[in-house]
Each structure stands twice: as C-alpha cells, then as structure tokens.
Amino acid sequence: MKRTPVTTDKAPAAIGPYSQAIATDTLLFTSGAIPIDPATGTIAAGSIEDHAHQAFRNLAGIAEAAGTRLDKAVKVTVFLTDIAQFQRVNAVYAHYFTEPYPARSAVQVAALPLGAAIEVEAIIAL
C-alpha cells in the first residue's frame, strides 16, 4: 500500500513526530486538527463555535492539499474536553458536511494539546 504524507500551510504544522495526513491509494487519514490559526500558530480566544470553525477549516485545508474535500469524508471523530458543548459543535459541524453524512464519533477527553477544547480527525475518500 502506498503511503504519501500530505502537508499544507493552510493548517498548522505538526507539533510532534507525525504528518498532517497520510494518503493511501483511496483514502486520506488526517491527524487531529485543533483550532490553531496557521497564520499565528496560536489558539485565538473565542467561543467553542469559533474553535470548532477553526478546527474544521484546518481539516478542510489538509483535505484540499490532498486533492479532496470534507464532503467526501467517510468517518469523523470529534474530541471535546467538555461533552456538554456537543450541540454547539454539532451546529458548526453541519456547515462543513453534507448528506450522506460521514459516520461520526464524539467523545469527551481529559485534555487536548495546547489546552484546546476541540480536536477533529477524519478519514476522507480520495
């Protein structure tokens, strides 16, 4: 199986020993996207909706660099530090995905890198 790393400046650079994404012959596997603004390298202040939009924009930038788009996602995982924010994030999610919606999991975690409140990863058809 071919494994090709995908990188773009439309999403934050990896902050550790991993790729932004790996493309195979038919699928793109993204690393988790947190709400870092790629222009500043920081997480801006704002609401969970603001953070969700930035995380999804980062994910969309990675998908675009691989020659695909979010509406071709087959599986999405959303990590939240507060599951009570799920409905607010779900409203943002609906702006980035269309029917048939990808399979999805949403889980609460104790903490995320750099103190982020949300992280999103996806498997996307190429």
N, C-alpha and C. Protein backbone atom coordinates (compact mmCIF):
# COMPACT_ATOMS: atom_id res chain seq x y z
N MET A 1 0.85 -1.17 0.00
CA MET A 1 0.00 0.00 0.00
C MET A 1 0.89 1.24 0.00
N LYS A 2 0.58 2.16 -0.87
CA LYS A 2 1.29 3.43 -0.94
C LYS A 2 0.88 4.30 0.26
N ARG A 3 1.87 4.97 0.88
CA ARG A 3 1.61 5.91 1.99
C ARG A 3 2.35 7.20 1.66
N THR A 4 1.57 8.25 1.38
CA THR A 4 2.16 9.52 0.99
C THR A 4 1.79 10.58 2.02
N PRO A 5 2.79 11.25 2.61
CA PRO A 5 2.47 12.31 3.57
C PRO A 5 1.87 13.52 2.85
N VAL A 6 0.95 14.17 3.52
CA VAL A 6 0.31 15.38 3.00
C VAL A 6 0.64 16.51 3.95
N THR A 7 1.11 17.62 3.40
CA THR A 7 1.39 18.80 4.21
C THR A 7 0.85 20.04 3.51
N THR A 8 0.47 21.02 4.30
CA THR A 8 -0.04 22.27 3.75
C THR A 8 0.18 23.38 4.77
N ASP A 9 0.31 24.60 4.27
CA ASP A 9 0.39 25.75 5.17
C ASP A 9 -1.00 26.30 5.47
N LYS A 10 -2.06 25.64 4.95
CA LYS A 10 -3.44 26.03 5.26
C LYS A 10 -3.91 25.41 6.57
N ALA A 11 -3.03 24.69 7.22
CA ALA A 11 -3.29 24.10 8.54
C ALA A 11 -1.99 24.21 9.33
N PRO A 12 -2.09 24.19 10.64
CA PRO A 12 -0.87 24.29 11.44
C PRO A 12 0.09 23.15 11.16
N ALA A 13 1.38 23.46 11.23
CA ALA A 13 2.40 22.42 11.09
C ALA A 13 2.27 21.43 12.24
N ALA A 14 2.70 20.22 12.01
CA ALA A 14 2.69 19.21 13.07
C ALA A 14 3.53 19.70 14.24
N ILE A 15 3.07 19.45 15.46
CA ILE A 15 3.80 19.86 16.65
C ILE A 15 4.50 18.67 17.31
N GLY A 16 4.72 17.65 16.54
CA GLY A 16 5.38 16.45 17.03
C GLY A 16 5.78 15.57 15.87
N PRO A 17 6.20 14.36 16.16
CA PRO A 17 6.65 13.44 15.11
C PRO A 17 5.49 12.73 14.40
N TYR A 18 4.73 13.49 13.62
CA TYR A 18 3.62 12.94 12.85
C TYR A 18 3.39 13.80 11.62
N SER A 19 2.62 13.28 10.69
CA SER A 19 2.24 14.00 9.47
C SER A 19 0.88 14.65 9.67
N GLN A 20 0.62 15.75 8.96
CA GLN A 20 -0.71 16.33 8.99
C GLN A 20 -1.74 15.31 8.50
N ALA A 21 -1.33 14.52 7.51
CA ALA A 21 -2.19 13.46 6.99
C ALA A 21 -1.33 12.48 6.19
N ILE A 22 -1.89 11.31 5.98
CA ILE A 22 -1.28 10.29 5.13
C ILE A 22 -2.33 9.86 4.11
N ALA A 23 -1.95 9.92 2.84
CA ALA A 23 -2.82 9.47 1.76
C ALA A 23 -2.41 8.07 1.33
N THR A 24 -3.40 7.21 1.14
CA THR A 24 -3.17 5.90 0.53
C THR A 24 -3.71 5.99 -0.89
N ASP A 25 -3.88 4.88 -1.54
CA ASP A 25 -4.41 4.89 -2.90
C ASP A 25 -5.83 5.45 -2.98
N THR A 26 -6.62 5.23 -1.93
CA THR A 26 -8.03 5.61 -1.99
C THR A 26 -8.52 6.45 -0.82
N LEU A 27 -7.74 6.54 0.26
CA LEU A 27 -8.21 7.23 1.46
C LEU A 27 -7.16 8.19 2.00
N LEU A 28 -7.65 9.25 2.63
CA LEU A 28 -6.82 10.19 3.35
C LEU A 28 -7.11 10.04 4.83
N PHE A 29 -6.07 9.83 5.62
CA PHE A 29 -6.18 9.71 7.07
C PHE A 29 -5.55 10.96 7.69
N THR A 30 -6.36 11.81 8.31
CA THR A 30 -5.81 13.03 8.88
C THR A 30 -5.41 12.82 10.33
N SER A 31 -4.43 13.57 10.75
CA SER A 31 -4.14 13.67 12.17
C SER A 31 -5.19 14.59 12.78
N GLY A 32 -5.23 14.66 14.09
CA GLY A 32 -6.19 15.54 14.74
C GLY A 32 -5.89 16.99 14.44
N ALA A 33 -6.94 17.75 14.13
CA ALA A 33 -6.82 19.18 13.87
C ALA A 33 -7.39 19.93 15.06
N ILE A 34 -6.54 20.74 15.69
CA ILE A 34 -7.02 21.59 16.78
C ILE A 34 -7.15 23.01 16.25
N PRO A 35 -7.77 23.90 17.02
CA PRO A 35 -8.08 25.23 16.48
C PRO A 35 -6.91 26.22 16.49
N ILE A 36 -5.77 25.80 16.02
CA ILE A 36 -4.64 26.71 15.87
C ILE A 36 -4.82 27.48 14.57
N ASP A 37 -4.67 28.78 14.63
CA ASP A 37 -4.68 29.60 13.43
C ASP A 37 -3.32 29.42 12.75
N PRO A 38 -3.28 28.88 11.52
CA PRO A 38 -2.00 28.63 10.88
C PRO A 38 -1.18 29.91 10.63
N ALA A 39 -1.84 31.06 10.57
CA ALA A 39 -1.13 32.31 10.33
C ALA A 39 -0.37 32.77 11.58
N THR A 40 -0.92 32.48 12.77
CA THR A 40 -0.30 32.95 14.00
C THR A 40 0.37 31.84 14.80
N GLY A 41 -0.05 30.60 14.57
CA GLY A 41 0.48 29.48 15.34
C GLY A 41 -0.08 29.38 16.74
N THR A 42 -1.17 30.09 17.00
CA THR A 42 -1.77 30.07 18.33
C THR A 42 -3.26 29.77 18.25
N ILE A 43 -3.81 29.41 19.40
CA ILE A 43 -5.25 29.24 19.52
C ILE A 43 -5.80 30.58 19.99
N ALA A 44 -6.63 31.19 19.15
CA ALA A 44 -7.20 32.50 19.49
C ALA A 44 -8.30 32.34 20.53
N ALA A 45 -8.51 33.38 21.28
CA ALA A 45 -9.63 33.39 22.23
C ALA A 45 -10.93 33.33 21.43
N GLY A 46 -11.95 32.82 22.05
CA GLY A 46 -13.25 32.76 21.38
C GLY A 46 -14.11 31.66 21.94
N SER A 47 -15.27 31.53 21.37
CA SER A 47 -16.25 30.55 21.81
C SER A 47 -15.90 29.16 21.28
N ILE A 48 -16.61 28.16 21.75
CA ILE A 48 -16.42 26.80 21.24
C ILE A 48 -16.78 26.77 19.75
N GLU A 49 -17.74 27.59 19.33
CA GLU A 49 -18.08 27.65 17.91
C GLU A 49 -16.91 28.20 17.10
N ASP A 50 -16.26 29.25 17.60
CA ASP A 50 -15.09 29.81 16.92
C ASP A 50 -13.99 28.76 16.81
N HIS A 51 -13.78 28.03 17.88
CA HIS A 51 -12.74 27.00 17.88
C HIS A 51 -13.09 25.85 16.95
N ALA A 52 -14.36 25.47 16.92
CA ALA A 52 -14.79 24.39 16.03
C ALA A 52 -14.60 24.81 14.57
N HIS A 53 -15.00 26.05 14.23
CA HIS A 53 -14.82 26.52 12.86
C HIS A 53 -13.34 26.47 12.47
N GLN A 54 -12.44 26.91 13.35
CA GLN A 54 -11.02 26.89 13.01
C GLN A 54 -10.52 25.47 12.84
N ALA A 55 -10.93 24.56 13.70
CA ALA A 55 -10.51 23.16 13.57
C ALA A 55 -11.00 22.57 12.25
N PHE A 56 -12.24 22.85 11.87
CA PHE A 56 -12.77 22.33 10.60
C PHE A 56 -12.11 23.01 9.40
N ARG A 57 -11.78 24.30 9.51
CA ARG A 57 -11.05 24.96 8.41
C ARG A 57 -9.67 24.33 8.24
N ASN A 58 -9.02 24.01 9.35
CA ASN A 58 -7.72 23.35 9.27
C ASN A 58 -7.86 21.99 8.60
N LEU A 59 -8.87 21.23 8.99
CA LEU A 59 -9.12 19.92 8.39
C LEU A 59 -9.42 20.06 6.90
N ALA A 60 -10.20 21.07 6.53
CA ALA A 60 -10.53 21.31 5.12
C ALA A 60 -9.27 21.66 4.32
N GLY A 61 -8.37 22.42 4.92
CA GLY A 61 -7.12 22.77 4.24
C GLY A 61 -6.27 21.54 3.96
N ILE A 62 -6.24 20.63 4.90
CA ILE A 62 -5.49 19.38 4.71
C ILE A 62 -6.14 18.55 3.60
N ALA A 63 -7.47 18.45 3.63
CA ALA A 63 -8.18 17.70 2.59
C ALA A 63 -7.90 18.29 1.22
N GLU A 64 -7.96 19.60 1.11
CA GLU A 64 -7.71 20.28 -0.17
C GLU A 64 -6.29 20.01 -0.66
N ALA A 65 -5.33 20.01 0.24
CA ALA A 65 -3.94 19.75 -0.16
C ALA A 65 -3.78 18.34 -0.73
N ALA A 66 -4.65 17.44 -0.31
CA ALA A 66 -4.61 16.06 -0.81
C ALA A 66 -5.47 15.87 -2.05
N GLY A 67 -6.15 16.92 -2.49
CA GLY A 67 -6.98 16.82 -3.68
C GLY A 67 -8.38 16.31 -3.42
N THR A 68 -8.86 16.48 -2.20
CA THR A 68 -10.20 16.04 -1.87
C THR A 68 -10.88 17.14 -1.08
N ARG A 69 -12.04 16.84 -0.49
CA ARG A 69 -12.77 17.84 0.30
C ARG A 69 -13.54 17.14 1.41
N LEU A 70 -13.96 17.95 2.38
CA LEU A 70 -14.62 17.38 3.56
C LEU A 70 -15.89 16.62 3.24
N ASP A 71 -16.62 17.03 2.20
CA ASP A 71 -17.87 16.33 1.93
C ASP A 71 -17.65 14.91 1.39
N LYS A 72 -16.40 14.51 1.23
CA LYS A 72 -16.09 13.13 0.86
C LYS A 72 -15.64 12.31 2.08
N ALA A 73 -15.77 12.89 3.28
CA ALA A 73 -15.38 12.18 4.50
C ALA A 73 -16.26 10.95 4.70
N VAL A 74 -15.64 9.87 5.15
CA VAL A 74 -16.40 8.66 5.46
C VAL A 74 -16.47 8.42 6.97
N LYS A 75 -15.53 9.01 7.73
CA LYS A 75 -15.53 8.86 9.19
C LYS A 75 -14.90 10.09 9.82
N VAL A 76 -15.55 10.64 10.81
CA VAL A 76 -15.05 11.80 11.54
C VAL A 76 -15.08 11.48 13.02
N THR A 77 -14.04 11.87 13.73
CA THR A 77 -14.01 11.74 15.19
C THR A 77 -13.79 13.13 15.78
N VAL A 78 -14.66 13.49 16.71
CA VAL A 78 -14.59 14.78 17.39
C VAL A 78 -14.24 14.52 18.85
N PHE A 79 -13.18 15.15 19.31
CA PHE A 79 -12.75 15.05 20.70
C PHE A 79 -13.06 16.39 21.37
N LEU A 80 -13.74 16.35 22.50
CA LEU A 80 -14.10 17.56 23.25
C LEU A 80 -13.65 17.43 24.69
N THR A 81 -13.19 18.53 25.26
CA THR A 81 -12.86 18.49 26.69
C THR A 81 -14.11 18.66 27.53
N ASP A 82 -15.22 19.06 26.92
CA ASP A 82 -16.50 19.21 27.63
C ASP A 82 -17.62 18.75 26.70
N ILE A 83 -18.11 17.54 26.93
CA ILE A 83 -19.14 16.97 26.07
C ILE A 83 -20.44 17.79 26.12
N ALA A 84 -20.60 18.61 27.13
CA ALA A 84 -21.77 19.48 27.20
C ALA A 84 -21.77 20.49 26.04
N GLN A 85 -20.64 20.70 25.39
CA GLN A 85 -20.53 21.60 24.24
C GLN A 85 -20.93 20.92 22.93
N PHE A 86 -21.30 19.64 22.99
CA PHE A 86 -21.55 18.85 21.78
C PHE A 86 -22.58 19.49 20.85
N GLN A 87 -23.71 19.94 21.36
CA GLN A 87 -24.75 20.50 20.50
C GLN A 87 -24.27 21.76 19.79
N ARG A 88 -23.47 22.57 20.47
CA ARG A 88 -22.93 23.78 19.85
C ARG A 88 -21.95 23.42 18.74
N VAL A 89 -21.12 22.42 18.98
CA VAL A 89 -20.18 21.95 17.96
C VAL A 89 -20.94 21.30 16.81
N ASN A 90 -22.00 20.57 17.12
CA ASN A 90 -22.80 19.90 16.10
C ASN A 90 -23.39 20.91 15.11
N ALA A 91 -23.79 22.07 15.60
CA ALA A 91 -24.33 23.11 14.72
C ALA A 91 -23.24 23.60 13.75
N VAL A 92 -22.01 23.71 14.22
CA VAL A 92 -20.90 24.11 13.35
C VAL A 92 -20.59 22.99 12.36
N TYR A 93 -20.58 21.77 12.84
CA TYR A 93 -20.30 20.58 12.03
C TYR A 93 -21.18 20.57 10.78
N ALA A 94 -22.44 20.94 10.95
CA ALA A 94 -23.40 20.91 9.84
C ALA A 94 -23.03 21.87 8.71
N HIS A 95 -22.16 22.85 8.97
CA HIS A 95 -21.71 23.78 7.92
C HIS A 95 -20.65 23.15 7.01
N TYR A 96 -20.02 22.07 7.47
CA TYR A 96 -18.87 21.51 6.75
C TYR A 96 -19.14 20.16 6.09
N PHE A 97 -20.24 19.52 6.43
CA PHE A 97 -20.54 18.19 5.89
C PHE A 97 -21.95 18.17 5.33
N THR A 98 -22.13 17.37 4.27
CA THR A 98 -23.43 17.26 3.62
C THR A 98 -23.87 15.79 3.60
N GLU A 99 -25.13 15.59 3.30
CA GLU A 99 -25.65 14.22 3.20
C GLU A 99 -25.09 13.53 1.97
N PRO A 100 -24.80 12.28 2.02
CA PRO A 100 -24.88 11.45 3.22
C PRO A 100 -23.75 11.80 4.18
N TYR A 101 -24.12 12.09 5.42
CA TYR A 101 -23.13 12.49 6.42
C TYR A 101 -22.18 11.33 6.71
N PRO A 102 -20.94 11.68 7.02
CA PRO A 102 -19.99 10.61 7.37
C PRO A 102 -20.37 9.96 8.71
N ALA A 103 -19.89 8.76 8.91
CA ALA A 103 -20.01 8.16 10.23
C ALA A 103 -19.24 9.06 11.19
N ARG A 104 -19.65 9.11 12.46
CA ARG A 104 -19.00 10.03 13.39
C ARG A 104 -19.04 9.50 14.80
N SER A 105 -17.98 9.80 15.52
CA SER A 105 -17.93 9.58 16.96
C SER A 105 -17.59 10.91 17.60
N ALA A 106 -18.13 11.15 18.78
CA ALA A 106 -17.77 12.33 19.57
C ALA A 106 -17.53 11.85 20.99
N VAL A 107 -16.37 12.19 21.51
CA VAL A 107 -16.01 11.72 22.85
C VAL A 107 -15.44 12.86 23.68
N GLN A 108 -15.65 12.75 24.98
CA GLN A 108 -15.03 13.69 25.91
C GLN A 108 -13.68 13.13 26.34
N VAL A 109 -12.69 14.01 26.39
CA VAL A 109 -11.35 13.63 26.81
C VAL A 109 -10.92 14.54 27.95
N ALA A 110 -9.94 14.10 28.71
CA ALA A 110 -9.48 14.88 29.86
C ALA A 110 -8.75 16.15 29.43
N ALA A 111 -7.99 16.09 28.35
CA ALA A 111 -7.22 17.24 27.89
C ALA A 111 -6.82 17.03 26.44
N LEU A 112 -6.51 18.14 25.77
CA LEU A 112 -6.04 18.11 24.39
C LEU A 112 -4.78 18.96 24.29
N PRO A 113 -3.99 18.75 23.23
CA PRO A 113 -2.75 19.51 23.07
C PRO A 113 -2.98 21.03 23.13
N LEU A 114 -2.05 21.72 23.75
CA LEU A 114 -2.04 23.19 23.85
C LEU A 114 -3.28 23.75 24.53
N GLY A 115 -3.98 22.93 25.31
CA GLY A 115 -5.17 23.39 26.02
C GLY A 115 -6.39 23.57 25.14
N ALA A 116 -6.37 22.99 23.94
CA ALA A 116 -7.52 23.10 23.03
C ALA A 116 -8.77 22.49 23.65
N ALA A 117 -9.93 23.00 23.26
CA ALA A 117 -11.20 22.47 23.72
C ALA A 117 -11.78 21.45 22.75
N ILE A 118 -11.25 21.41 21.51
CA ILE A 118 -11.76 20.52 20.47
C ILE A 118 -10.60 20.05 19.59
N GLU A 119 -10.71 18.82 19.13
CA GLU A 119 -9.81 18.26 18.12
C GLU A 119 -10.65 17.40 17.20
N VAL A 120 -10.37 17.45 15.91
CA VAL A 120 -11.16 16.71 14.93
C VAL A 120 -10.21 15.96 14.00
N GLU A 121 -10.53 14.70 13.73
CA GLU A 121 -9.77 13.93 12.73
C GLU A 121 -10.77 13.27 11.79
N ALA A 122 -10.27 12.89 10.61
CA ALA A 122 -11.18 12.33 9.61
C ALA A 122 -10.48 11.32 8.72
N ILE A 123 -11.28 10.45 8.17
CA ILE A 123 -10.88 9.57 7.08
C ILE A 123 -11.71 10.02 5.89
N ILE A 124 -11.04 10.40 4.80
CA ILE A 124 -11.71 11.03 3.66
C ILE A 124 -11.37 10.28 2.38
N ALA A 125 -12.38 10.01 1.57
CA ALA A 125 -12.16 9.36 0.28
C ALA A 125 -11.40 10.29 -0.65
N LEU A 126 -10.49 9.70 -1.42
CA LEU A 126 -9.73 10.48 -2.42
C LEU A 126 -10.37 10.34 -3.78
